[in-house]
């Protein structure tokens, strides 16, 4: 995932996450951010594995 896409997604979701934080639900916004970054890291790991397997062939 390109860094521009990540920044745009974070900017778009900044207000809803802040709204959850203001309602004393900061743990929920933290959980959503953690899931988002986990998704990005899994996607990057799959990309690296596929590049490594293509390089080895």
C-alpha atoms as a PDB file:
ATOM      1  CA  UNK A   1       0.000   0.000   0.000  1.00  0.00           C
ATOM      2  CA  UNK A   2       1.407   3.343  -0.963  1.00  0.00           C
ATOM      3  CA  UNK A   3       2.133   5.812   1.777  1.00  0.00           C
ATOM      4  CA  UNK A   4      -0.134   8.378   0.089  1.00  0.00           C
ATOM      5  CA  UNK A   5      -3.073   5.994   0.317  1.00  0.00           C
ATOM      6  CA  UNK A   6      -2.378   5.383   4.000  1.00  0.00           C
ATOM      7  CA  UNK A   7      -2.214   9.105   4.730  1.00  0.00           C
ATOM      8  CA  UNK A   8      -5.444   9.787   2.843  1.00  0.00           C
ATOM      9  CA  UNK A   9      -7.244   7.003   4.696  1.00  0.00           C
ATOM     10  CA  UNK A  10      -5.999   8.301   8.057  1.00  0.00           C
ATOM     11  CA  UNK A  11      -7.098  11.840   7.204  1.00  0.00           C
ATOM     12  CA  UNK A  12     -10.553  10.648   6.151  1.00  0.00           C
ATOM     13  CA  UNK A  13     -11.036   8.638   9.338  1.00  0.00           C
ATOM     14  CA  UNK A  14      -9.495  11.205  11.695  1.00  0.00           C
ATOM     15  CA  UNK A  15     -12.798  12.884  12.548  1.00  0.00           C
ATOM     16  CA  UNK A  16     -14.765   9.685  13.338  1.00  0.00           C
ATOM     17  CA  UNK A  17     -11.877   8.380  15.440  1.00  0.00           C
ATOM     18  CA  UNK A  18     -11.652  11.676  17.312  1.00  0.00           C
ATOM     19  CA  UNK A  19     -15.421  11.585  17.834  1.00  0.00           C
ATOM     20  CA  UNK A  20     -15.102   8.146  19.441  1.00  0.00           C
ATOM     21  CA  UNK A  21     -12.281   9.469  21.601  1.00  0.00           C
ATOM     22  CA  UNK A  22     -14.434  12.399  22.757  1.00  0.00           C
ATOM     23  CA  UNK A  23     -17.203   9.979  23.786  1.00  0.00           C
ATOM     24  CA  UNK A  24     -14.723   8.280  26.136  1.00  0.00           C
ATOM     25  CA  UNK A  25     -14.347   5.406  23.662  1.00  0.00           C
ATOM     26  CA  UNK A  26     -10.662   5.901  22.955  1.00  0.00           C
ATOM     27  CA  UNK A  27     -10.000   2.177  23.207  1.00  0.00           C
ATOM     28  CA  UNK A  28     -12.298   1.565  20.243  1.00  0.00           C
ATOM     29  CA  UNK A  29     -10.473   4.074  18.060  1.00  0.00           C
ATOM     30  CA  UNK A  30      -7.143   2.573  19.142  1.00  0.00           C
ATOM     31  CA  UNK A  31      -8.418  -0.902  18.269  1.00  0.00           C
ATOM     32  CA  UNK A  32      -9.557   0.262  14.826  1.00  0.00           C
ATOM     33  CA  UNK A  33      -6.173   1.858  14.141  1.00  0.00           C
ATOM     34  CA  UNK A  34      -4.382  -1.292  15.299  1.00  0.00           C
ATOM     35  CA  UNK A  35      -6.505  -3.432  12.957  1.00  0.00           C
ATOM     36  CA  UNK A  36      -5.794  -1.042  10.075  1.00  0.00           C
ATOM     37  CA  UNK A  37      -2.029  -1.176  10.604  1.00  0.00           C
ATOM     38  CA  UNK A  38      -2.159  -4.965  11.056  1.00  0.00           C
ATOM     39  CA  UNK A  39      -3.939  -5.224   7.699  1.00  0.00           C
ATOM     40  CA  UNK A  40      -1.271  -3.052   6.058  1.00  0.00           C
ATOM     41  CA  UNK A  41       1.582  -5.082   7.539  1.00  0.00           C
ATOM     42  CA  UNK A  42       0.041  -8.413   6.464  1.00  0.00           C
ATOM     43  CA  UNK A  43      -0.443  -7.048   2.955  1.00  0.00           C
ATOM     44  CA  UNK A  44       3.190  -5.898   2.818  1.00  0.00           C
ATOM     45  CA  UNK A  45       4.446  -9.262   4.109  1.00  0.00           C
ATOM     46  CA  UNK A  46       2.503 -11.088   1.380  1.00  0.00           C
ATOM     47  CA  UNK A  47       3.990  -8.742  -1.213  1.00  0.00           C
ATOM     48  CA  UNK A  48       7.511  -9.387   0.077  1.00  0.00           C
ATOM     49  CA  UNK A  49       6.950 -13.160   0.072  1.00  0.00           C
ATOM     50  CA  UNK A  50       5.732 -13.119  -3.513  1.00  0.00           C
ATOM     51  CA  UNK A  51       8.714 -10.990  -4.601  1.00  0.00           C
ATOM     52  CA  UNK A  52      11.080 -13.341  -2.787  1.00  0.00           C
ATOM     53  CA  UNK A  53       9.554 -16.434  -4.401  1.00  0.00           C
ATOM     54  CA  UNK A  54       9.733 -14.850  -7.863  1.00  0.00           C
ATOM     55  CA  UNK A  55      13.347 -13.912  -7.275  1.00  0.00           C
ATOM     56  CA  UNK A  56      14.203 -17.469  -6.244  1.00  0.00           C
ATOM     57  CA  UNK A  57      12.661 -19.056  -9.341  1.00  0.00           C
END
